[in-house]
Amino acid sequence: MENFILNENDFIYLPRGYWHAPEPCNSHSLHISFAFRRRNGVDFMKSLLPFLSEYTPFREDINKQENDEEKKHYIEQLKSPFDHIITTENLDFFLINSGQRKFIRSDISLDKLLMEKYDRR
């Protein structure tokens, strides 16, 4: 674990996936994070989940009483659709649609939050 002390107007860049826990040093502090997120394989796989509902083994209950041979067969059934849905066409579709993602803008302002806090007292 590394510790850094940032002074006024300093900033630090943390690459994707780095955990951090900012703490003020004997005074008030403002911590603002900006994320510039690129899509990865996990995002692509999540986008494929709706396709899996077309395959019966994904909709059936899992039998907790299965023996090892039945479990292996079940796993093979779950693996089989992936060759059909992990395609360059689906990747292209994912990349086009993820670039068109709409962000939700909040109309909440700091002034409004402070007013609500003090109005409740």
C-alpha atoms as a PDB file:
ATOM      1  CA  MET A   1       0.000   0.000   0.000  1.00  0.00           C
ATOM      2  CA  GLU A   2       1.272   3.443  -0.892  1.00  0.00           C
ATOM      3  CA  ASN A   3       0.391   6.742   0.754  1.00  0.00           C
ATOM      4  CA  PHE A   4       0.444  10.091  -0.984  1.00  0.00           C
ATOM      5  CA  ILE A   5      -0.119  13.570   0.415  1.00  0.00           C
ATOM      6  CA  LEU A   6      -1.577  15.940  -2.133  1.00  0.00           C
ATOM      7  CA  ASN A   7      -1.295  19.666  -1.623  1.00  0.00           C
ATOM      8  CA  GLU A   8      -3.617  22.356  -2.916  1.00  0.00           C
ATOM      9  CA  ASN A   9      -4.154  22.056  -6.694  1.00  0.00           C
ATOM     10  CA  ASP A  10      -2.349  18.692  -6.841  1.00  0.00           C
ATOM     11  CA  PHE A  11      -3.929  15.730  -8.528  1.00  0.00           C
ATOM     12  CA  ILE A  12      -3.150  12.061  -8.875  1.00  0.00           C
ATOM     13  CA  TYR A  13      -3.907   9.677 -11.703  1.00  0.00           C
ATOM     14  CA  LEU A  14      -4.935   6.167 -10.677  1.00  0.00           C
ATOM     15  CA  PRO A  15      -5.185   3.627 -13.496  1.00  0.00           C
ATOM     16  CA  ARG A  16      -8.346   1.598 -13.889  1.00  0.00           C
ATOM     17  CA  GLY A  17      -8.840  -0.979 -11.184  1.00  0.00           C
ATOM     18  CA  TYR A  18      -6.788   0.717  -8.465  1.00  0.00           C
ATOM     19  CA  TRP A  19      -8.596   0.887  -5.149  1.00  0.00           C
ATOM     20  CA  HIS A  20      -8.157   4.057  -3.184  1.00  0.00           C
ATOM     21  CA  ALA A  21      -9.376   5.514   0.078  1.00  0.00           C
ATOM     22  CA  PRO A  22      -8.797   9.277   0.292  1.00  0.00           C
ATOM     23  CA  GLU A  23      -8.593  10.806   3.745  1.00  0.00           C
ATOM     24  CA  PRO A  24      -8.287  14.490   4.689  1.00  0.00           C
ATOM     25  CA  CYS A  25      -5.169  15.606   6.576  1.00  0.00           C
ATOM     26  CA  ASN A  26      -6.323  17.685   9.558  1.00  0.00           C
ATOM     27  CA  SER A  27      -8.647  19.845   7.474  1.00  0.00           C
ATOM     28  CA  HIS A  28     -11.626  19.708   5.165  1.00  0.00           C
ATOM     29  CA  SER A  29     -11.047  18.126   1.826  1.00  0.00           C
ATOM     30  CA  LEU A  30     -12.854  17.831  -1.477  1.00  0.00           C
ATOM     31  CA  HIS A  31     -12.339  14.635  -3.430  1.00  0.00           C
ATOM     32  CA  ILE A  32     -13.558  14.538  -7.007  1.00  0.00           C
ATOM     33  CA  SER A  33     -13.158  11.497  -9.229  1.00  0.00           C
ATOM     34  CA  PHE A  34     -13.474  11.349 -12.977  1.00  0.00           C
ATOM     35  CA  ALA A  35     -13.758   8.031 -14.722  1.00  0.00           C
ATOM     36  CA  PHE A  36     -12.979   7.576 -18.372  1.00  0.00           C
ATOM     37  CA  ARG A  37     -14.100   4.021 -18.755  1.00  0.00           C
ATOM     38  CA  ARG A  38     -13.388   1.837 -21.742  1.00  0.00           C
ATOM     39  CA  ARG A  39     -15.366  -1.313 -22.356  1.00  0.00           C
ATOM     40  CA  ASN A  40     -13.788  -4.668 -21.567  1.00  0.00           C
ATOM     41  CA  GLY A  41     -14.525  -8.369 -21.994  1.00  0.00           C
ATOM     42  CA  VAL A  42     -16.692  -8.524 -18.879  1.00  0.00           C
ATOM     43  CA  ASP A  43     -18.903  -5.764 -20.304  1.00  0.00           C
ATOM     44  CA  PHE A  44     -19.169  -7.661 -23.589  1.00  0.00           C
ATOM     45  CA  MET A  45     -20.100 -10.894 -21.808  1.00  0.00           C
ATOM     46  CA  LYS A  46     -22.758  -9.092 -19.754  1.00  0.00           C
ATOM     47  CA  SER A  47     -24.267  -7.784 -22.979  1.00  0.00           C
ATOM     48  CA  LEU A  48     -24.671 -11.379 -24.175  1.00  0.00           C
ATOM     49  CA  LEU A  49     -26.745 -12.515 -21.184  1.00  0.00           C
ATOM     50  CA  PRO A  50     -30.122 -11.847 -22.860  1.00  0.00           C
ATOM     51  CA  PHE A  51     -29.113 -14.247 -25.670  1.00  0.00           C
ATOM     52  CA  LEU A  52     -28.656 -17.047 -23.133  1.00  0.00           C
ATOM     53  CA  SER A  53     -32.332 -17.027 -22.199  1.00  0.00           C
ATOM     54  CA  GLU A  54     -33.007 -18.581 -25.617  1.00  0.00           C
ATOM     55  CA  TYR A  55     -31.226 -21.774 -24.478  1.00  0.00           C
ATOM     56  CA  THR A  56     -33.229 -24.177 -22.337  1.00  0.00           C
ATOM     57  CA  PRO A  57     -30.409 -25.208 -19.921  1.00  0.00           C
ATOM     58  CA  PHE A  58     -30.110 -21.582 -18.774  1.00  0.00           C
ATOM     59  CA  ARG A  59     -33.820 -21.429 -17.904  1.00  0.00           C
ATOM     60  CA  GLU A  60     -34.056 -24.750 -16.074  1.00  0.00           C
ATOM     61  CA  ASP A  61     -33.571 -25.233 -12.358  1.00  0.00           C
ATOM     62  CA  ILE A  62     -30.214 -26.636 -11.313  1.00  0.00           C
ATOM     63  CA  ASN A  63     -30.542 -30.094  -9.790  1.00  0.00           C
ATOM     64  CA  LYS A  64     -28.670 -30.045  -6.485  1.00  0.00           C
ATOM     65  CA  GLN A  65     -28.749 -33.849  -6.303  1.00  0.00           C
ATOM     66  CA  GLU A  66     -26.812 -34.513  -9.511  1.00  0.00           C
ATOM     67  CA  ASN A  67     -23.858 -36.882  -9.491  1.00  0.00           C
ATOM     68  CA  ASP A  68     -20.500 -35.893 -10.992  1.00  0.00           C
ATOM     69  CA  GLU A  69     -21.304 -37.269 -14.441  1.00  0.00           C
ATOM     70  CA  GLU A  70     -24.617 -35.375 -14.579  1.00  0.00           C
ATOM     71  CA  LYS A  71     -22.868 -32.177 -13.453  1.00  0.00           C
ATOM     72  CA  LYS A  72     -20.311 -32.527 -16.256  1.00  0.00           C
ATOM     73  CA  HIS A  73     -23.113 -32.999 -18.775  1.00  0.00           C
ATOM     74  CA  TYR A  74     -24.923 -29.922 -17.416  1.00  0.00           C
ATOM     75  CA  ILE A  75     -21.748 -27.814 -17.694  1.00  0.00           C
ATOM     76  CA  GLU A  76     -21.257 -28.960 -21.309  1.00  0.00           C
ATOM     77  CA  GLN A  77     -24.826 -27.892 -22.075  1.00  0.00           C
ATOM     78  CA  LEU A  78     -24.103 -24.445 -20.612  1.00  0.00           C
ATOM     79  CA  LYS A  79     -20.895 -24.080 -22.633  1.00  0.00           C
ATOM     80  CA  SER A  80     -22.361 -25.018 -26.004  1.00  0.00           C
ATOM     81  CA  PRO A  81     -24.216 -21.771 -26.880  1.00  0.00           C
ATOM     82  CA  PHE A  82     -21.157 -19.606 -26.371  1.00  0.00           C
ATOM     83  CA  ASP A  83     -19.651 -20.593 -29.731  1.00  0.00           C
ATOM     84  CA  HIS A  84     -22.813 -19.219 -31.333  1.00  0.00           C
ATOM     85  CA  ILE A  85     -23.072 -15.944 -29.418  1.00  0.00           C
ATOM     86  CA  ILE A  86     -19.422 -14.928 -28.961  1.00  0.00           C
ATOM     87  CA  THR A  87     -18.998 -13.631 -32.492  1.00  0.00           C
ATOM     88  CA  THR A  88     -17.435 -10.637 -34.166  1.00  0.00           C
ATOM     89  CA  GLU A  89     -20.938  -9.565 -35.231  1.00  0.00           C
ATOM     90  CA  ASN A  90     -22.124  -9.463 -31.614  1.00  0.00           C
ATOM     91  CA  LEU A  91     -18.920  -7.689 -30.595  1.00  0.00           C
ATOM     92  CA  ASP A  92     -19.492  -5.052 -33.295  1.00  0.00           C
ATOM     93  CA  PHE A  93     -23.113  -4.661 -32.149  1.00  0.00           C
ATOM     94  CA  PHE A  94     -21.943  -4.255 -28.542  1.00  0.00           C
ATOM     95  CA  LEU A  95     -19.308  -1.658 -29.473  1.00  0.00           C
ATOM     96  CA  ILE A  96     -21.763   0.402 -31.525  1.00  0.00           C
ATOM     97  CA  ASN A  97     -24.431   0.326 -28.817  1.00  0.00           C
ATOM     98  CA  SER A  98     -22.049   0.980 -25.931  1.00  0.00           C
ATOM     99  CA  GLY A  99     -20.869   4.125 -27.725  1.00  0.00           C
ATOM    100  CA  GLN A 100     -24.448   5.387 -27.785  1.00  0.00           C
ATOM    101  CA  ARG A 101     -25.013   4.980 -24.068  1.00  0.00           C
ATOM    102  CA  LYS A 102     -27.067   7.778 -22.616  1.00  0.00           C
ATOM    103  CA  PHE A 103     -26.029   9.335 -19.352  1.00  0.00           C
ATOM    104  CA  ILE A 104     -28.609  10.335 -16.794  1.00  0.00           C
ATOM    105  CA  ARG A 105     -28.230  13.897 -15.679  1.00  0.00           C
ATOM    106  CA  SER A 106     -29.314  14.713 -12.170  1.00  0.00           C
ATOM    107  CA  ASP A 107     -30.989  18.026 -11.423  1.00  0.00           C
ATOM    108  CA  ILE A 108     -29.771  17.915  -7.823  1.00  0.00           C
ATOM    109  CA  SER A 109     -27.559  20.790  -6.806  1.00  0.00           C
ATOM    110  CA  LEU A 110     -25.467  21.322  -3.697  1.00  0.00           C
ATOM    111  CA  ASP A 111     -27.537  24.391  -2.824  1.00  0.00           C
ATOM    112  CA  LYS A 112     -30.741  22.368  -3.046  1.00  0.00           C
ATOM    113  CA  LEU A 113     -29.324  19.590  -0.855  1.00  0.00           C
ATOM    114  CA  LEU A 114     -28.157  22.075   1.794  1.00  0.00           C
ATOM    115  CA  MET A 115     -31.523  23.836   1.790  1.00  0.00           C
ATOM    116  CA  GLU A 116     -33.347  20.512   2.286  1.00  0.00           C
ATOM    117  CA  LYS A 117     -30.995  19.556   5.110  1.00  0.00           C
ATOM    118  CA  TYR A 118     -31.542  22.774   7.033  1.00  0.00           C
ATOM    119  CA  ASP A 119     -35.286  22.941   6.286  1.00  0.00           C
ATOM    120  CA  ARG A 120     -35.776  19.584   8.054  1.00  0.00           C
ATOM    121  CA  ARG A 121     -34.409  20.884  11.346  1.00  0.00           C
END
